[in-house]
Amino acid sequence: MKWSTPITIEKQIGYLQHGSPILLLGSCFAENVGEYLTRCKFDIEVNPFGTLYNPESIANGLERLINKQSFDKSELCHDGNLWYSYHHHGRFSQATAQATLDSINSSYNRAAEMLTRCQRLIITFGAAYVYRLASNGMTVANCHKQPSALFRRERLSVEEIVQRWDSIIARLQAIVPHCKILFTVSPIRHLRDGAHDNQLSKSTLLLAIEQLCKHHNDTCSYFPAYEIVLDELRDYRFYADDMTHPSAQAVSYICSKLVDTYFTDETRRIAERCEKIYRNLQHRPLNGCDNNAYRQFAEKLAEQMRDIEREYPCISYQEEYNKLNKLTTL
């Protein structure tokens, strides 16, 4: 007896590999996947503008990277407490304009450098709804808890999304012709739109991606994260307490599907070794940093990291060495 509807995914073994730079943009589901790839020591940058939900804001951010157009103070706003950018998530907001700008452009510069060598671009659309400033029609990535009267809400059409992204993909192919694009639709439910509007929104995104993959079949493909949660994991136990976000177990299952679809056997083995090291790095000495047992544990862990670096020069554990050194020398 079947208790779920298995999703058939066309395998592209070798699509994701260590040493192949990956840029991820989109909803917080992109960050879920990015966290997994980070633990497995892939070369990645995740959401340099923060969480972006709608296709237009994601396209705007990507266009800034293509144009090598960083940000200046004139693009910031101030509400009396924080400086913020309508192009960015609130995590960049700071008490001063300079601190906000420094944070924004530091993230921007890392992503701009990544784009020049990017081999895989993973785009996660969250919702087809956009908020535009009523004053000038600009689409905002985040409303930053400003009064609703400042915005008007619209749902993008399939045609609008396809037209915008056709242009972006063509420009990407011109500057990074080796880069392939993997689209996903976030399984996170946007219930503030209402259950029916959420389905209309997701359907719009799915139809737009289908068109884009047809227009650019050598460059674009689709990973069915949305369908996996909707059909294979059709149960509320796979959602977090808010009943909108996938649970950690669901995210882990989706990542296992990514592995089955895109990893070679060697990539899988490297990822498993790296993830084991990551878990061990979360351990902390119980009796202070002079604990001899922890020192021995740290030395063994450092040797495991050096083994991976020797076998795979594309992987670096420098940041992890620094953390271990601090823990063992305090």
C-alpha atoms as a PDB file:
ATOM      1  CA  MET A   1       0.000   0.000   0.000  1.00  0.00           C
ATOM      2  CA  LYS A   2       1.322   3.450  -0.952  1.00  0.00           C
ATOM      3  CA  TRP A   3       1.134   6.198   1.653  1.00  0.00           C
ATOM      4  CA  SER A   4       2.407   9.015  -0.573  1.00  0.00           C
ATOM      5  CA  THR A   5       2.766   9.975  -4.219  1.00  0.00           C
ATOM      6  CA  PRO A   6       6.429   9.587  -5.275  1.00  0.00           C
ATOM      7  CA  ILE A   7       7.740  12.417  -7.414  1.00  0.00           C
ATOM      8  CA  THR A   8       9.766  11.329 -10.436  1.00  0.00           C
ATOM      9  CA  ILE A   9      12.773  13.585 -11.018  1.00  0.00           C
ATOM     10  CA  GLU A  10      15.029  13.397 -14.058  1.00  0.00           C
ATOM     11  CA  LYS A  11      18.531  12.746 -12.788  1.00  0.00           C
ATOM     12  CA  GLN A  12      21.407  15.036 -13.772  1.00  0.00           C
ATOM     13  CA  ILE A  13      24.263  13.270 -12.007  1.00  0.00           C
ATOM     14  CA  GLY A  14      27.240  15.598 -11.603  1.00  0.00           C
ATOM     15  CA  TYR A  15      25.142  18.779 -11.876  1.00  0.00           C
ATOM     16  CA  LEU A  16      26.270  19.848  -8.375  1.00  0.00           C
ATOM     17  CA  GLN A  17      29.918  19.245  -7.507  1.00  0.00           C
ATOM     18  CA  HIS A  18      32.534  20.512  -5.096  1.00  0.00           C
ATOM     19  CA  GLY A  19      34.701  23.118  -6.766  1.00  0.00           C
ATOM     20  CA  SER A  20      31.812  24.381  -8.925  1.00  0.00           C
ATOM     21  CA  PRO A  21      30.771  27.815  -7.556  1.00  0.00           C
ATOM     22  CA  ILE A  22      27.067  28.145  -6.728  1.00  0.00           C
ATOM     23  CA  LEU A  23      25.007  31.294  -6.165  1.00  0.00           C
ATOM     24  CA  LEU A  24      21.585  30.940  -4.517  1.00  0.00           C
ATOM     25  CA  LEU A  25      18.911  33.641  -4.627  1.00  0.00           C
ATOM     26  CA  GLY A  26      15.335  33.710  -3.418  1.00  0.00           C
ATOM     27  CA  SER A  27      13.078  32.798  -0.546  1.00  0.00           C
ATOM     28  CA  CYS A  28      14.113  31.416   2.822  1.00  0.00           C
ATOM     29  CA  PHE A  29      13.897  27.933   1.301  1.00  0.00           C
ATOM     30  CA  ALA A  30      16.980  28.922  -0.740  1.00  0.00           C
ATOM     31  CA  GLU A  31      18.682  29.501   2.608  1.00  0.00           C
ATOM     32  CA  ASN A  32      17.596  26.051   3.836  1.00  0.00           C
ATOM     33  CA  VAL A  33      19.307  24.456   0.830  1.00  0.00           C
ATOM     34  CA  GLY A  34      22.251  26.838   1.161  1.00  0.00           C
ATOM     35  CA  GLU A  35      22.802  25.804   4.769  1.00  0.00           C
ATOM     36  CA  TYR A  36      23.026  22.175   3.721  1.00  0.00           C
ATOM     37  CA  LEU A  37      25.474  22.918   0.888  1.00  0.00           C
ATOM     38  CA  THR A  38      27.548  25.061   3.274  1.00  0.00           C
ATOM     39  CA  ARG A  39      27.805  22.216   5.775  1.00  0.00           C
ATOM     40  CA  CYS A  40      28.978  19.997   2.917  1.00  0.00           C
ATOM     41  CA  LYS A  41      31.675  22.574   1.979  1.00  0.00           C
ATOM     42  CA  PHE A  42      30.424  23.595  -1.458  1.00  0.00           C
ATOM     43  CA  ASP A  43      31.675  26.931  -2.774  1.00  0.00           C
ATOM     44  CA  ILE A  44      28.520  29.030  -2.422  1.00  0.00           C
ATOM     45  CA  GLU A  45      27.021  32.450  -1.772  1.00  0.00           C
ATOM     46  CA  VAL A  46      23.470  32.570  -0.433  1.00  0.00           C
ATOM     47  CA  ASN A  47      21.000  35.461  -0.704  1.00  0.00           C
ATOM     48  CA  PRO A  48      23.370  38.453  -0.877  1.00  0.00           C
ATOM     49  CA  PHE A  49      20.309  40.751  -0.700  1.00  0.00           C
ATOM     50  CA  GLY A  50      18.675  38.737   2.051  1.00  0.00           C
ATOM     51  CA  THR A  51      15.479  36.791   1.600  1.00  0.00           C
ATOM     52  CA  LEU A  52      13.696  37.704  -1.639  1.00  0.00           C
ATOM     53  CA  TYR A  53      10.275  36.264  -2.356  1.00  0.00           C
ATOM     54  CA  ASN A  54       8.995  37.507  -5.699  1.00  0.00           C
ATOM     55  CA  PRO A  55      10.534  36.960  -9.172  1.00  0.00           C
ATOM     56  CA  GLU A  56      10.826  40.680  -9.923  1.00  0.00           C
ATOM     57  CA  SER A  57      12.864  41.505  -6.810  1.00  0.00           C
ATOM     58  CA  ILE A  58      15.139  38.516  -7.455  1.00  0.00           C
ATOM     59  CA  ALA A  59      15.605  39.680 -11.065  1.00  0.00           C
ATOM     60  CA  ASN A  60      16.360  43.220  -9.874  1.00  0.00           C
ATOM     61  CA  GLY A  61      19.046  41.964  -7.517  1.00  0.00           C
ATOM     62  CA  LEU A  62      20.605  39.743 -10.156  1.00  0.00           C
ATOM     63  CA  GLU A  63      20.558  42.629 -12.626  1.00  0.00           C
ATOM     64  CA  ARG A  64      22.502  44.779 -10.145  1.00  0.00           C
ATOM     65  CA  LEU A  65      25.161  42.069  -9.987  1.00  0.00           C
ATOM     66  CA  ILE A  66      25.307  41.803 -13.774  1.00  0.00           C
ATOM     67  CA  ASN A  67      25.609  45.594 -14.107  1.00  0.00           C
ATOM     68  CA  LYS A  68      28.265  45.760 -11.358  1.00  0.00           C
ATOM     69  CA  GLN A  69      26.122  48.410  -9.703  1.00  0.00           C
ATOM     70  CA  SER A  70      26.705  48.570  -5.956  1.00  0.00           C
ATOM     71  CA  PHE A  71      24.575  50.706  -3.620  1.00  0.00           C
ATOM     72  CA  ASP A  72      24.928  54.267  -2.294  1.00  0.00           C
ATOM     73  CA  LYS A  73      23.386  56.256   0.531  1.00  0.00           C
ATOM     74  CA  SER A  74      20.772  57.874  -1.715  1.00  0.00           C
ATOM     75  CA  GLU A  75      19.074  54.473  -1.998  1.00  0.00           C
ATOM     76  CA  LEU A  76      18.615  54.114   1.755  1.00  0.00           C
ATOM     77  CA  CYS A  77      15.580  55.152   3.789  1.00  0.00           C
ATOM     78  CA  HIS A  78      15.297  56.105   7.469  1.00  0.00           C
ATOM     79  CA  ASP A  79      12.256  55.644   9.695  1.00  0.00           C
ATOM     80  CA  GLY A  80      13.642  57.390  12.776  1.00  0.00           C
ATOM     81  CA  ASN A  81      15.168  54.237  14.218  1.00  0.00           C
ATOM     82  CA  LEU A  82      16.842  52.268  11.441  1.00  0.00           C
ATOM     83  CA  TRP A  83      18.313  52.829   8.009  1.00  0.00           C
ATOM     84  CA  TYR A  84      17.048  50.327   5.482  1.00  0.00           C
ATOM     85  CA  SER A  85      16.942  49.529   1.775  1.00  0.00           C
ATOM     86  CA  TYR A  86      13.862  48.595  -0.217  1.00  0.00           C
ATOM     87  CA  HIS A  87      16.150  46.349  -2.290  1.00  0.00           C
ATOM     88  CA  HIS A  88      17.089  44.272   0.776  1.00  0.00           C
ATOM     89  CA  HIS A  89      15.784  42.186   3.617  1.00  0.00           C
ATOM     90  CA  GLY A  90      15.649  43.749   7.081  1.00  0.00           C
ATOM     91  CA  ARG A  91      18.712  41.838   8.260  1.00  0.00           C
ATOM     92  CA  PHE A  92      20.842  44.583   6.674  1.00  0.00           C
ATOM     93  CA  SER A  93      19.121  47.407   8.580  1.00  0.00           C
ATOM     94  CA  GLN A  94      21.360  49.262  11.037  1.00  0.00           C
ATOM     95  CA  ALA A  95      21.251  52.293  13.313  1.00  0.00           C
ATOM     96  CA  THR A  96      23.472  54.363  10.994  1.00  0.00           C
ATOM     97  CA  ALA A  97      23.478  54.853   7.246  1.00  0.00           C
ATOM     98  CA  GLN A  98      27.156  53.974   6.946  1.00  0.00           C
ATOM     99  CA  ALA A  99      26.823  50.718   8.866  1.00  0.00           C
ATOM    100  CA  THR A 100      23.841  49.749   6.705  1.00  0.00           C
ATOM    101  CA  LEU A 101      25.675  50.611   3.508  1.00  0.00           C
ATOM    102  CA  ASP A 102      28.826  48.775   4.596  1.00  0.00           C
ATOM    103  CA  SER A 103      26.807  45.640   5.332  1.00  0.00           C
ATOM    104  CA  ILE A 104      24.925  45.860   2.026  1.00  0.00           C
ATOM    105  CA  ASN A 105      27.984  46.424  -0.159  1.00  0.00           C
ATOM    106  CA  SER A 106      30.133  43.860   1.624  1.00  0.00           C
ATOM    107  CA  SER A 107      27.533  41.212   0.777  1.00  0.00           C
ATOM    108  CA  TYR A 108      27.089  42.660  -2.713  1.00  0.00           C
ATOM    109  CA  ASN A 109      30.832  42.520  -3.465  1.00  0.00           C
ATOM    110  CA  ARG A 110      31.094  38.855  -2.471  1.00  0.00           C
ATOM    111  CA  ALA A 111      28.166  37.983  -4.723  1.00  0.00           C
ATOM    112  CA  ALA A 112      29.457  40.076  -7.631  1.00  0.00           C
ATOM    113  CA  GLU A 113      32.766  38.233  -7.454  1.00  0.00           C
ATOM    114  CA  MET A 114      30.934  34.907  -7.273  1.00  0.00           C
ATOM    115  CA  LEU A 115      28.870  35.732 -10.356  1.00  0.00           C
ATOM    116  CA  THR A 116      32.022  36.117 -12.486  1.00  0.00           C
ATOM    117  CA  ARG A 117      32.888  32.443 -11.877  1.00  0.00           C
ATOM    118  CA  CYS A 118      29.455  31.018 -11.092  1.00  0.00           C
ATOM    119  CA  GLN A 119      28.672  27.637 -12.637  1.00  0.00           C
ATOM    120  CA  ARG A 120      25.317  27.007 -10.989  1.00  0.00           C
ATOM    121  CA  LEU A 121      22.631  29.560 -10.144  1.00  0.00           C
ATOM    122  CA  ILE A 122      19.812  28.249  -7.939  1.00  0.00           C
ATOM    123  CA  ILE A 123      16.724  30.480  -7.989  1.00  0.00           C
ATOM    124  CA  THR A 124      13.839  29.928  -5.587  1.00  0.00           C
ATOM    125  CA  PHE A 125      10.611  31.806  -6.269  1.00  0.00           C
ATOM    126  CA  GLY A 126       8.396  32.208  -3.215  1.00  0.00           C
ATOM    127  CA  ALA A 127       5.338  34.188  -4.314  1.00  0.00           C
ATOM    128  CA  ALA A 128       4.011  35.898  -7.431  1.00  0.00           C
ATOM    129  CA  TYR A 129       2.711  38.828  -5.382  1.00  0.00           C
ATOM    130  CA  VAL A 130       4.705  42.052  -5.323  1.00  0.00           C
ATOM    131  CA  TYR A 131       4.456  45.235  -3.308  1.00  0.00           C
ATOM    132  CA  ARG A 132       5.138  48.472  -5.154  1.00  0.00           C
ATOM    133  CA  LEU A 133       5.709  51.923  -3.722  1.00  0.00           C
ATOM    134  CA  ALA A 134       2.586  53.941  -4.416  1.00  0.00           C
ATOM    135  CA  SER A 135       4.741  57.039  -4.965  1.00  0.00           C
ATOM    136  CA  ASN A 136       6.785  55.757  -7.903  1.00  0.00           C
ATOM    137  CA  GLY A 137       5.784  52.152  -8.691  1.00  0.00           C
ATOM    138  CA  MET A 138       9.112  50.652  -7.567  1.00  0.00           C
ATOM    139  CA  THR A 139       8.873  47.002  -6.538  1.00  0.00           C
ATOM    140  CA  VAL A 140      10.194  46.507  -3.015  1.00  0.00           C
ATOM    141  CA  ALA A 141      11.931  43.394  -1.771  1.00  0.00           C
ATOM    142  CA  ASN A 142      10.665  44.042   1.745  1.00  0.00           C
ATOM    143  CA  CYS A 143       8.170  46.519   3.211  1.00  0.00           C
ATOM    144  CA  HIS A 144      10.214  46.924   6.428  1.00  0.00           C
ATOM    145  CA  LYS A 145       7.022  47.243   8.505  1.00  0.00           C
ATOM    146  CA  GLN A 146       6.202  50.596   6.948  1.00  0.00           C
ATOM    147  CA  PRO A 147       2.557  51.772   6.741  1.00  0.00           C
ATOM    148  CA  SER A 148       0.509  49.757   4.240  1.00  0.00           C
ATOM    149  CA  ALA A 149      -0.734  53.000   2.654  1.00  0.00           C
ATOM    150  CA  LEU A 150       2.744  53.442   1.131  1.00  0.00           C
ATOM    151  CA  PHE A 151       2.335  50.337  -1.051  1.00  0.00           C
ATOM    152  CA  ARG A 152       0.058  48.726  -3.547  1.00  0.00           C
ATOM    153  CA  ARG A 153      -0.092  44.949  -3.897  1.00  0.00           C
ATOM    154  CA  GLU A 154      -0.258  43.145  -7.248  1.00  0.00           C
ATOM    155  CA  ARG A 155       0.115  39.631  -8.572  1.00  0.00           C
ATOM    156  CA  LEU A 156       2.564  39.279 -11.422  1.00  0.00           C
ATOM    157  CA  SER A 157       1.297  37.505 -14.524  1.00  0.00           C
ATOM    158  CA  VAL A 158       3.043  34.548 -16.112  1.00  0.00           C
ATOM    159  CA  GLU A 159       3.876  36.758 -19.105  1.00  0.00           C
ATOM    160  CA  GLU A 160       5.449  39.472 -16.928  1.00  0.00           C
ATOM    161  CA  ILE A 161       7.685  36.965 -15.141  1.00  0.00           C
ATOM    162  CA  VAL A 162       8.735  35.236 -18.362  1.00  0.00           C
ATOM    163  CA  GLN A 163       9.495  38.478 -20.180  1.00  0.00           C
ATOM    164  CA  ARG A 164      11.607  39.795 -17.297  1.00  0.00           C
ATOM    165  CA  TRP A 165      13.538  36.575 -16.860  1.00  0.00           C
ATOM    166  CA  ASP A 166      14.042  35.929 -20.577  1.00  0.00           C
ATOM    167  CA  SER A 167      16.036  39.157 -20.621  1.00  0.00           C
ATOM    168  CA  ILE A 168      18.000  38.331 -17.466  1.00  0.00           C
ATOM    169  CA  ILE A 169      18.890  34.828 -18.681  1.00  0.00           C
ATOM    170  CA  ALA A 170      20.062  36.158 -22.048  1.00  0.00           C
ATOM    171  CA  ARG A 171      22.377  38.620 -20.297  1.00  0.00           C
ATOM    172  CA  LEU A 172      23.701  35.914 -17.989  1.00  0.00           C
ATOM    173  CA  GLN A 173      24.468  33.653 -20.927  1.00  0.00           C
ATOM    174  CA  ALA A 174      26.487  36.470 -22.474  1.00  0.00           C
ATOM    175  CA  ILE A 175      28.716  37.078 -19.429  1.00  0.00           C
ATOM    176  CA  VAL A 176      28.857  33.611 -17.830  1.00  0.00           C
ATOM    177  CA  PRO A 177      28.006  31.180 -20.656  1.00  0.00           C
ATOM    178  CA  HIS A 178      29.037  28.155 -18.561  1.00  0.00           C
ATOM    179  CA  CYS A 179      26.462  28.952 -15.848  1.00  0.00           C
ATOM    180  CA  LYS A 180      23.381  26.721 -15.595  1.00  0.00           C
ATOM    181  CA  ILE A 181      20.207  27.831 -13.785  1.00  0.00           C
ATOM    182  CA  LEU A 182      18.147  25.600 -11.507  1.00  0.00           C
ATOM    183  CA  PHE A 183      14.698  26.957 -10.652  1.00  0.00           C
ATOM    184  CA  THR A 184      12.649  25.870  -7.662  1.00  0.00           C
ATOM    185  CA  VAL A 185       9.379  27.039  -6.127  1.00  0.00           C
ATOM    186  CA  SER A 186       9.422  27.381  -2.369  1.00  0.00           C
ATOM    187  CA  PRO A 187       7.145  24.920  -0.542  1.00  0.00           C
ATOM    188  CA  ILE A 188       6.563  27.572   2.128  1.00  0.00           C
ATOM    189  CA  ARG A 189       2.885  28.522   2.151  1.00  0.00           C
ATOM    190  CA  HIS A 190       2.095  32.250   2.082  1.00  0.00           C
ATOM    191  CA  LEU A 191      -1.186  32.012   3.945  1.00  0.00           C
ATOM    192  CA  ARG A 192      -1.402  35.724   4.598  1.00  0.00           C
ATOM    193  CA  ASP A 193      -2.539  35.813   0.968  1.00  0.00           C
ATOM    194  CA  GLY A 194      -5.244  33.274   1.809  1.00  0.00           C
ATOM    195  CA  ALA A 195      -5.217  29.605   0.838  1.00  0.00           C
ATOM    196  CA  HIS A 196      -6.739  30.204  -2.610  1.00  0.00           C
ATOM    197  CA  ASP A 197      -4.484  33.157  -3.444  1.00  0.00           C
ATOM    198  CA  ASN A 198      -1.484  31.128  -2.306  1.00  0.00           C
ATOM    199  CA  GLN A 199      -2.373  28.421  -4.821  1.00  0.00           C
ATOM    200  CA  LEU A 200      -2.873  30.984  -7.589  1.00  0.00           C
ATOM    201  CA  SER A 201       0.503  32.485  -6.725  1.00  0.00           C
ATOM    202  CA  LYS A 202       2.341  29.146  -6.749  1.00  0.00           C
ATOM    203  CA  SER A 203       0.612  28.136  -9.988  1.00  0.00           C
ATOM    204  CA  THR A 204       1.731  31.374 -11.629  1.00  0.00           C
ATOM    205  CA  LEU A 205       5.328  30.673 -10.626  1.00  0.00           C
ATOM    206  CA  LEU A 206       5.181  27.091 -11.873  1.00  0.00           C
ATOM    207  CA  LEU A 207       3.769  28.113 -15.234  1.00  0.00           C
ATOM    208  CA  ALA A 208       6.375  30.852 -15.652  1.00  0.00           C
ATOM    209  CA  ILE A 209       9.239  28.481 -14.847  1.00  0.00           C
ATOM    210  CA  GLU A 210       7.886  25.929 -17.315  1.00  0.00           C
ATOM    211  CA  GLN A 211       7.996  28.568 -20.052  1.00  0.00           C
ATOM    212  CA  LEU A 212      11.504  29.684 -19.103  1.00  0.00           C
ATOM    213  CA  CYS A 213      12.796  26.120 -19.161  1.00  0.00           C
ATOM    214  CA  LYS A 214      11.297  25.671 -22.642  1.00  0.00           C
ATOM    215  CA  HIS A 215      12.816  28.931 -23.900  1.00  0.00           C
ATOM    216  CA  HIS A 216      16.256  28.114 -22.457  1.00  0.00           C
ATOM    217  CA  ASN A 217      16.300  24.321 -22.338  1.00  0.00           C
ATOM    218  CA  ASP A 218      20.099  24.149 -22.564  1.00  0.00           C
ATOM    219  CA  THR A 219      20.511  26.463 -19.578  1.00  0.00           C
ATOM    220  CA  CYS A 220      17.478  26.127 -17.298  1.00  0.00           C
ATOM    221  CA  SER A 221      15.953  23.216 -15.405  1.00  0.00           C
ATOM    222  CA  TYR A 222      13.536  22.723 -12.537  1.00  0.00           C
ATOM    223  CA  PHE A 223      13.753  20.889  -9.202  1.00  0.00           C
ATOM    224  CA  PRO A 224      10.310  20.002  -7.750  1.00  0.00           C
ATOM    225  CA  ALA A 225      10.775  20.938  -4.093  1.00  0.00           C
ATOM    226  CA  TYR A 226       7.215  22.280  -3.990  1.00  0.00           C
ATOM    227  CA  GLU A 227       5.752  19.043  -5.331  1.00  0.00           C
ATOM    228  CA  ILE A 228       7.847  16.902  -2.978  1.00  0.00           C
ATOM    229  CA  VAL A 229       6.344  18.619   0.059  1.00  0.00           C
ATOM    230  CA  LEU A 230       2.858  18.799  -1.433  1.00  0.00           C
ATOM    231  CA  ASP A 231       2.657  15.142  -2.501  1.00  0.00           C
ATOM    232  CA  GLU A 232       5.403  12.967  -1.042  1.00  0.00           C
ATOM    233  CA  LEU A 233       5.222  14.664   2.372  1.00  0.00           C
ATOM    234  CA  ARG A 234       1.490  15.326   2.421  1.00  0.00           C
ATOM    235  CA  ASP A 235       1.174  15.516   6.210  1.00  0.00           C
ATOM    236  CA  TYR A 236       1.269  18.349   8.761  1.00  0.00           C
ATOM    237  CA  ARG A 237       3.965  16.575  10.753  1.00  0.00           C
ATOM    238  CA  PHE A 238       6.355  17.751   8.019  1.00  0.00           C
ATOM    239  CA  TYR A 239       5.601  21.401   8.803  1.00  0.00           C
ATOM    240  CA  ALA A 240       7.006  23.601  11.542  1.00  0.00           C
ATOM    241  CA  ASP A 241       4.778  24.919  14.344  1.00  0.00           C
ATOM    242  CA  ASP A 242       3.575  27.816  12.177  1.00  0.00           C
ATOM    243  CA  MET A 243       2.116  25.288   9.702  1.00  0.00           C
ATOM    244  CA  THR A 244       3.589  27.220   6.777  1.00  0.00           C
ATOM    245  CA  HIS A 245       7.322  26.413   6.790  1.00  0.00           C
ATOM    246  CA  PRO A 246       8.637  22.891   6.136  1.00  0.00           C
ATOM    247  CA  SER A 247      10.021  21.210   9.234  1.00  0.00           C
ATOM    248  CA  ALA A 248      13.710  20.371   9.623  1.00  0.00           C
ATOM    249  CA  GLN A 249      12.830  16.787   8.742  1.00  0.00           C
ATOM    250  CA  ALA A 250      11.136  17.909   5.519  1.00  0.00           C
ATOM    251  CA  VAL A 251      14.104  20.092   4.541  1.00  0.00           C
ATOM    252  CA  SER A 252      16.444  17.163   5.214  1.00  0.00           C
ATOM    253  CA  TYR A 253      14.303  14.935   2.984  1.00  0.00           C
ATOM    254  CA  ILE A 254      14.326  17.483   0.149  1.00  0.00           C
ATOM    255  CA  CYS A 255      18.112  17.771   0.439  1.00  0.00           C
ATOM    256  CA  SER A 256      18.367  13.983   0.190  1.00  0.00           C
ATOM    257  CA  LYS A 257      16.410  14.234  -3.077  1.00  0.00           C
ATOM    258  CA  LEU A 258      18.895  16.854  -4.305  1.00  0.00           C
ATOM    259  CA  VAL A 259      21.695  14.434  -3.510  1.00  0.00           C
ATOM    260  CA  ASP A 260      20.006  11.561  -5.360  1.00  0.00           C
ATOM    261  CA  THR A 261      19.317  13.776  -8.381  1.00  0.00           C
ATOM    262  CA  TYR A 262      22.523  15.772  -8.786  1.00  0.00           C
ATOM    263  CA  PHE A 263      25.441  14.211  -6.838  1.00  0.00           C
ATOM    264  CA  THR A 264      27.941  11.700  -8.147  1.00  0.00           C
ATOM    265  CA  ASP A 265      28.932   8.917  -5.763  1.00  0.00           C
ATOM    266  CA  GLU A 266      32.168  10.762  -5.044  1.00  0.00           C
ATOM    267  CA  THR A 267      30.374  14.044  -4.326  1.00  0.00           C
ATOM    268  CA  ARG A 268      28.040  12.164  -1.971  1.00  0.00           C
ATOM    269  CA  ARG A 269      30.992  10.658  -0.091  1.00  0.00           C
ATOM    270  CA  ILE A 270      32.712  14.044   0.255  1.00  0.00           C
ATOM    271  CA  ALA A 271      29.471  15.626   1.464  1.00  0.00           C
ATOM    272  CA  GLU A 272      28.956  12.919   4.083  1.00  0.00           C
ATOM    273  CA  ARG A 273      32.507  13.355   5.406  1.00  0.00           C
ATOM    274  CA  CYS A 274      32.147  17.142   5.514  1.00  0.00           C
ATOM    275  CA  GLU A 275      28.784  16.997   7.236  1.00  0.00           C
ATOM    276  CA  LYS A 276      30.189  14.657   9.882  1.00  0.00           C
ATOM    277  CA  ILE A 277      33.017  17.121  10.519  1.00  0.00           C
ATOM    278  CA  TYR A 278      30.459  19.933  10.737  1.00  0.00           C
ATOM    279  CA  ARG A 279      28.485  18.049  13.401  1.00  0.00           C
ATOM    280  CA  ASN A 280      31.637  17.364  15.392  1.00  0.00           C
ATOM    281  CA  LEU A 281      32.624  21.032  15.197  1.00  0.00           C
ATOM    282  CA  GLN A 282      29.430  21.889  17.078  1.00  0.00           C
ATOM    283  CA  HIS A 283      30.779  20.106  20.166  1.00  0.00           C
ATOM    284  CA  ARG A 284      32.179  22.334  22.894  1.00  0.00           C
ATOM    285  CA  PRO A 285      34.490  21.435  25.815  1.00  0.00           C
ATOM    286  CA  LEU A 286      32.479  20.580  28.923  1.00  0.00           C
ATOM    287  CA  ASN A 287      35.123  21.471  31.507  1.00  0.00           C
ATOM    288  CA  GLY A 288      36.833  24.480  29.985  1.00  0.00           C
ATOM    289  CA  CYS A 289      39.312  24.753  27.174  1.00  0.00           C
ATOM    290  CA  ASP A 290      42.090  23.055  29.174  1.00  0.00           C
ATOM    291  CA  ASN A 291      40.177  19.791  28.956  1.00  0.00           C
ATOM    292  CA  ASN A 292      42.753  17.302  27.610  1.00  0.00           C
ATOM    293  CA  ALA A 293      40.046  15.085  26.163  1.00  0.00           C
ATOM    294  CA  TYR A 294      38.712  17.999  24.122  1.00  0.00           C
ATOM    295  CA  ARG A 295      42.215  18.909  22.942  1.00  0.00           C
ATOM    296  CA  GLN A 296      42.704  15.379  21.665  1.00  0.00           C
ATOM    297  CA  PHE A 297      39.279  15.510  20.034  1.00  0.00           C
ATOM    298  CA  ALA A 298      40.178  18.834  18.350  1.00  0.00           C
ATOM    299  CA  GLU A 299      43.510  17.484  17.087  1.00  0.00           C
ATOM    300  CA  LYS A 300      41.791  14.445  15.572  1.00  0.00           C
ATOM    301  CA  LEU A 301      39.169  16.677  13.970  1.00  0.00           C
ATOM    302  CA  ALA A 302      41.844  18.993  12.539  1.00  0.00           C
ATOM    303  CA  GLU A 303      43.591  15.996  11.009  1.00  0.00           C
ATOM    304  CA  GLN A 304      40.336  14.907   9.357  1.00  0.00           C
ATOM    305  CA  MET A 305      39.973  18.387   7.871  1.00  0.00           C
ATOM    306  CA  ARG A 306      43.565  18.340   6.609  1.00  0.00           C
ATOM    307  CA  ASP A 307      42.906  14.944   4.984  1.00  0.00           C
ATOM    308  CA  ILE A 308      39.974  16.385   3.024  1.00  0.00           C
ATOM    309  CA  GLU A 309      41.991  19.469   2.008  1.00  0.00           C
ATOM    310  CA  ARG A 310      44.817  17.263   0.730  1.00  0.00           C
ATOM    311  CA  GLU A 311      42.425  15.093  -1.276  1.00  0.00           C
ATOM    312  CA  TYR A 312      40.280  17.973  -2.532  1.00  0.00           C
ATOM    313  CA  PRO A 313      42.205  21.270  -2.832  1.00  0.00           C
ATOM    314  CA  CYS A 314      38.979  23.114  -3.720  1.00  0.00           C
ATOM    315  CA  ILE A 315      37.861  22.723  -0.081  1.00  0.00           C
ATOM    316  CA  SER A 316      39.246  24.954   2.667  1.00  0.00           C
ATOM    317  CA  TYR A 317      38.783  24.636   6.428  1.00  0.00           C
ATOM    318  CA  GLN A 318      40.703  27.774   7.406  1.00  0.00           C
ATOM    319  CA  GLU A 319      37.751  29.334   9.228  1.00  0.00           C
ATOM    320  CA  GLU A 320      37.163  26.120  11.160  1.00  0.00           C
ATOM    321  CA  TYR A 321      40.846  25.870  12.142  1.00  0.00           C
ATOM    322  CA  ASN A 322      40.653  29.393  13.539  1.00  0.00           C
ATOM    323  CA  LYS A 323      37.611  28.510  15.649  1.00  0.00           C
ATOM    324  CA  LEU A 324      39.271  25.355  16.974  1.00  0.00           C
ATOM    325  CA  ASN A 325      42.425  27.298  17.830  1.00  0.00           C
ATOM    326  CA  LYS A 326      40.423  29.845  19.825  1.00  0.00           C
ATOM    327  CA  LEU A 327      38.666  27.095  21.767  1.00  0.00           C
ATOM    328  CA  THR A 328      41.885  25.278  22.605  1.00  0.00           C
ATOM    329  CA  THR A 329      44.072  28.295  23.448  1.00  0.00           C
ATOM    330  CA  LEU A 330      41.769  30.432  25.627  1.00  0.00           C
END
